[in-house]
PDB file of N, CA and C in Angstrom:
ATOM      1  N   MET A   1      -5.643 -22.043 -31.143  1.00  0.00           N
ATOM      2  CA  MET A   1      -6.161 -22.711 -29.966  1.00  0.00           C
ATOM      3  C   MET A   1      -5.100 -22.672 -28.837  1.00  0.00           C
ATOM      4  N   THR A   2      -3.850 -22.873 -29.227  1.00  0.00           N
ATOM      5  CA  THR A   2      -2.770 -22.902 -28.240  1.00  0.00           C
ATOM      6  C   THR A   2      -2.640 -21.479 -27.642  1.00  0.00           C
ATOM      7  N   VAL A   3      -2.939 -20.464 -28.363  1.00  0.00           N
ATOM      8  CA  VAL A   3      -2.850 -19.119 -27.821  1.00  0.00           C
ATOM      9  C   VAL A   3      -3.885 -18.912 -26.724  1.00  0.00           C
ATOM     10  N   PHE A   4      -5.072 -19.464 -26.972  1.00  0.00           N
ATOM     11  CA  PHE A   4      -6.139 -19.304 -26.045  1.00  0.00           C
ATOM     12  C   PHE A   4      -5.738 -20.046 -24.726  1.00  0.00           C
ATOM     13  N   ILE A   5      -5.229 -21.265 -24.852  1.00  0.00           N
ATOM     14  CA  ILE A   5      -4.794 -21.961 -23.644  1.00  0.00           C
ATOM     15  C   ILE A   5      -3.735 -21.215 -22.878  1.00  0.00           C
ATOM     16  N   LYS A   6      -2.706 -20.682 -23.637  1.00  0.00           N
ATOM     17  CA  LYS A   6      -1.587 -19.959 -22.984  1.00  0.00           C
ATOM     18  C   LYS A   6      -2.230 -18.758 -22.227  1.00  0.00           C
ATOM     19  N   GLN A   7      -3.180 -18.138 -22.839  1.00  0.00           N
ATOM     20  CA  GLN A   7      -3.747 -16.941 -22.154  1.00  0.00           C
ATOM     21  C   GLN A   7      -4.405 -17.323 -20.847  1.00  0.00           C
ATOM     22  N   LYS A   8      -5.155 -18.453 -20.928  1.00  0.00           N
ATOM     23  CA  LYS A   8      -5.759 -18.988 -19.684  1.00  0.00           C
ATOM     24  C   LYS A   8      -4.753 -19.352 -18.592  1.00  0.00           C
ATOM     25  N   GLN A   9      -3.647 -19.925 -19.048  1.00  0.00           N
ATOM     26  CA  GLN A   9      -2.631 -20.248 -18.037  1.00  0.00           C
ATOM     27  C   GLN A   9      -2.077 -18.956 -17.437  1.00  0.00           C
ATOM     28  N   MET A  10      -1.826 -17.925 -18.253  1.00  0.00           N
ATOM     29  CA  MET A  10      -1.308 -16.686 -17.745  1.00  0.00           C
ATOM     30  C   MET A  10      -2.298 -16.092 -16.744  1.00  0.00           C
ATOM     31  N   GLU A  11      -3.565 -16.088 -17.089  1.00  0.00           N
ATOM     32  CA  GLU A  11      -4.658 -15.499 -16.168  1.00  0.00           C
ATOM     33  C   GLU A  11      -4.628 -16.293 -14.830  1.00  0.00           C
ATOM     34  N   ASN A  12      -4.587 -17.682 -14.958  1.00  0.00           N
ATOM     35  CA  ASN A  12      -4.499 -18.418 -13.683  1.00  0.00           C
ATOM     36  C   ASN A  12      -3.298 -18.140 -12.884  1.00  0.00           C
ATOM     37  N   LEU A  13      -2.167 -17.963 -13.524  1.00  0.00           N
ATOM     38  CA  LEU A  13      -0.920 -17.673 -12.798  1.00  0.00           C
ATOM     39  C   LEU A  13      -0.999 -16.304 -12.096  1.00  0.00           C
ATOM     40  N   PHE A  14      -1.582 -15.358 -12.803  1.00  0.00           N
ATOM     41  CA  PHE A  14      -1.738 -14.018 -12.238  1.00  0.00           C
ATOM     42  C   PHE A  14      -2.691 -14.041 -11.091  1.00  0.00           C
ATOM     43  N   PHE A  15      -3.785 -14.836 -11.248  1.00  0.00           N
ATOM     44  CA  PHE A  15      -4.791 -14.969 -10.187  1.00  0.00           C
ATOM     45  C   PHE A  15      -4.195 -15.555  -8.983  1.00  0.00           C
ATOM     46  N   ASN A  16      -3.484 -16.660  -9.083  1.00  0.00           N
ATOM     47  CA  ASN A  16      -2.842 -17.341  -7.984  1.00  0.00           C
ATOM     48  C   ASN A  16      -1.801 -16.430  -7.250  1.00  0.00           C
ATOM     49  N   ASN A  17      -1.073 -15.738  -8.061  1.00  0.00           N
ATOM     50  CA  ASN A  17      -0.071 -14.794  -7.490  1.00  0.00           C
ATOM     51  C   ASN A  17      -0.707 -13.670  -6.763  1.00  0.00           C
ATOM     52  N   SER A  18      -1.890 -13.147  -7.240  1.00  0.00           N
ATOM     53  CA  SER A  18      -2.596 -12.169  -6.547  1.00  0.00           C
ATOM     54  C   SER A  18      -3.066 -12.650  -5.139  1.00  0.00           C
ATOM     55  N   ILE A  19      -3.660 -13.912  -5.128  1.00  0.00           N
ATOM     56  CA  ILE A  19      -4.072 -14.490  -3.833  1.00  0.00           C
ATOM     57  C   ILE A  19      -2.926 -14.599  -2.931  1.00  0.00           C
ATOM     58  N   ASP A  20      -1.772 -15.159  -3.367  1.00  0.00           N
ATOM     59  CA  ASP A  20      -0.669 -15.318  -2.547  1.00  0.00           C
ATOM     60  C   ASP A  20      -0.149 -13.934  -2.000  1.00  0.00           C
ATOM     61  N   LEU A  21      -0.214 -12.913  -2.839  1.00  0.00           N
ATOM     62  CA  LEU A  21       0.224 -11.588  -2.368  1.00  0.00           C
ATOM     63  C   LEU A  21      -0.715 -11.103  -1.332  1.00  0.00           C
ATOM     64  N   PHE A  22      -1.979 -11.307  -1.535  1.00  0.00           N
ATOM     65  CA  PHE A  22      -2.990 -10.832  -0.594  1.00  0.00           C
ATOM     66  C   PHE A  22      -2.743 -11.447   0.774  1.00  0.00           C
ATOM     67  N   PHE A  23      -2.578 -12.838   0.798  1.00  0.00           N
ATOM     68  CA  PHE A  23      -2.439 -13.503   2.086  1.00  0.00           C
ATOM     69  C   PHE A  23      -1.093 -13.016   2.705  1.00  0.00           C
ATOM     70  N   THR A  24      -0.108 -12.792   1.873  1.00  0.00           N
ATOM     71  CA  THR A  24       1.247 -12.470   2.436  1.00  0.00           C
ATOM     72  C   THR A  24       0.977 -11.056   3.122  1.00  0.00           C
ATOM     73  N   LEU A  25       0.278 -10.144   2.454  1.00  0.00           N
ATOM     74  CA  LEU A  25       0.149  -8.798   3.066  1.00  0.00           C
ATOM     75  C   LEU A  25      -0.752  -8.901   4.322  1.00  0.00           C
ATOM     76  N   LYS A  26      -1.759  -9.771   4.384  1.00  0.00           N
ATOM     77  CA  LYS A  26      -2.542  -9.921   5.549  1.00  0.00           C
ATOM     78  C   LYS A  26      -1.730 -10.484   6.663  1.00  0.00           C
ATOM     79  N   MET A  27      -0.886 -11.545   6.439  1.00  0.00           N
ATOM     80  CA  MET A  27      -0.127 -12.039   7.534  1.00  0.00           C
ATOM     81  C   MET A  27       0.940 -11.055   7.931  1.00  0.00           C
ATOM     82  N   GLY A  28       1.442 -10.235   7.051  1.00  0.00           N
ATOM     83  CA  GLY A  28       2.412  -9.226   7.409  1.00  0.00           C
ATOM     84  C   GLY A  28       1.771  -8.216   8.387  1.00  0.00           C
ATOM     85  N   ASN A  29       0.533  -7.819   8.168  1.00  0.00           N
ATOM     86  CA  ASN A  29      -0.178  -6.937   9.034  1.00  0.00           C
ATOM     87  C   ASN A  29      -0.356  -7.595  10.399  1.00  0.00           C
ATOM     88  N   TYR A  30      -0.719  -8.908  10.428  1.00  0.00           N
ATOM     89  CA  TYR A  30      -0.896  -9.572  11.680  1.00  0.00           C
ATOM     90  C   TYR A  30       0.376  -9.544  12.482  1.00  0.00           C
ATOM     91  N   PHE A  31       1.501  -9.932  11.766  1.00  0.00           N
ATOM     92  CA  PHE A  31       2.756  -9.984  12.491  1.00  0.00           C
ATOM     93  C   PHE A  31       3.200  -8.648  13.018  1.00  0.00           C
ATOM     94  N   GLN A  32       2.899  -7.597  12.238  1.00  0.00           N
ATOM     95  CA  GLN A  32       3.175  -6.200  12.738  1.00  0.00           C
ATOM     96  C   GLN A  32       2.367  -5.944  14.032  1.00  0.00           C
ATOM     97  N   ASN A  33       1.194  -6.306  14.042  1.00  0.00           N
ATOM     98  CA  ASN A  33       0.330  -6.054  15.245  1.00  0.00           C
ATOM     99  C   ASN A  33       0.811  -6.889  16.401  1.00  0.00           C
ATOM    100  N   TYR A  34       1.187  -8.151  16.144  1.00  0.00           N
ATOM    101  CA  TYR A  34       1.684  -8.945  17.322  1.00  0.00           C
ATOM    102  C   TYR A  34       2.947  -8.385  17.765  1.00  0.00           C
ATOM    103  N   LYS A  35       3.813  -7.927  16.934  1.00  0.00           N
ATOM    104  CA  LYS A  35       5.118  -7.351  17.363  1.00  0.00           C
ATOM    105  C   LYS A  35       4.843  -6.139  18.232  1.00  0.00           C
ATOM    106  N   ARG A  36       3.892  -5.387  17.844  1.00  0.00           N
ATOM    107  CA  ARG A  36       3.603  -4.143  18.538  1.00  0.00           C
ATOM    108  C   ARG A  36       3.018  -4.488  19.961  1.00  0.00           C
ATOM    109  N   LEU A  37       2.062  -5.472  20.012  1.00  0.00           N
ATOM    110  CA  LEU A  37       1.631  -5.894  21.283  1.00  0.00           C
ATOM    111  C   LEU A  37       2.672  -6.452  22.196  1.00  0.00           C
ATOM    112  N   TYR A  38       3.588  -7.210  21.598  1.00  0.00           N
ATOM    113  CA  TYR A  38       4.700  -7.869  22.336  1.00  0.00           C
ATOM    114  C   TYR A  38       5.569  -6.776  22.909  1.00  0.00           C
ATOM    115  N   LEU A  39       5.919  -5.728  22.112  1.00  0.00           N
ATOM    116  CA  LEU A  39       6.739  -4.685  22.616  1.00  0.00           C
ATOM    117  C   LEU A  39       6.054  -3.845  23.711  1.00  0.00           C
ATOM    118  N   ASN A  40       4.806  -3.603  23.526  1.00  0.00           N
ATOM    119  CA  ASN A  40       4.035  -2.848  24.566  1.00  0.00           C
ATOM    120  C   ASN A  40       4.022  -3.694  25.868  1.00  0.00           C
ATOM    121  N   PHE A  41       3.850  -4.975  25.757  1.00  0.00           N
ATOM    122  CA  PHE A  41       3.780  -5.854  26.887  1.00  0.00           C
ATOM    123  C   PHE A  41       5.152  -5.717  27.705  1.00  0.00           C
ATOM    124  N   PHE A  42       6.259  -5.738  26.962  1.00  0.00           N
ATOM    125  CA  PHE A  42       7.517  -5.626  27.689  1.00  0.00           C
ATOM    126  C   PHE A  42       7.737  -4.260  28.219  1.00  0.00           C
ATOM    127  N   ILE A  43       7.180  -3.239  27.536  1.00  0.00           N
ATOM    128  CA  ILE A  43       7.407  -1.809  28.053  1.00  0.00           C
ATOM    129  C   ILE A  43       6.743  -1.648  29.413  1.00  0.00           C
ATOM    130  N   PHE A  44       5.507  -2.216  29.538  1.00  0.00           N
ATOM    131  CA  PHE A  44       4.805  -2.089  30.760  1.00  0.00           C
ATOM    132  C   PHE A  44       5.323  -3.093  31.778  1.00  0.00           C
TER     133      PHE A  44
END
């Protein structure tokens, strides 16, 4: 029984980390786009 609980905990941990990673990548893309817009604004 404890093995089953441990497995569920591992799955939840992996799932949460995947969500965190996904949001981090999305935010990274947004920041890259903002930086590009910012630089273009100063170039013109």
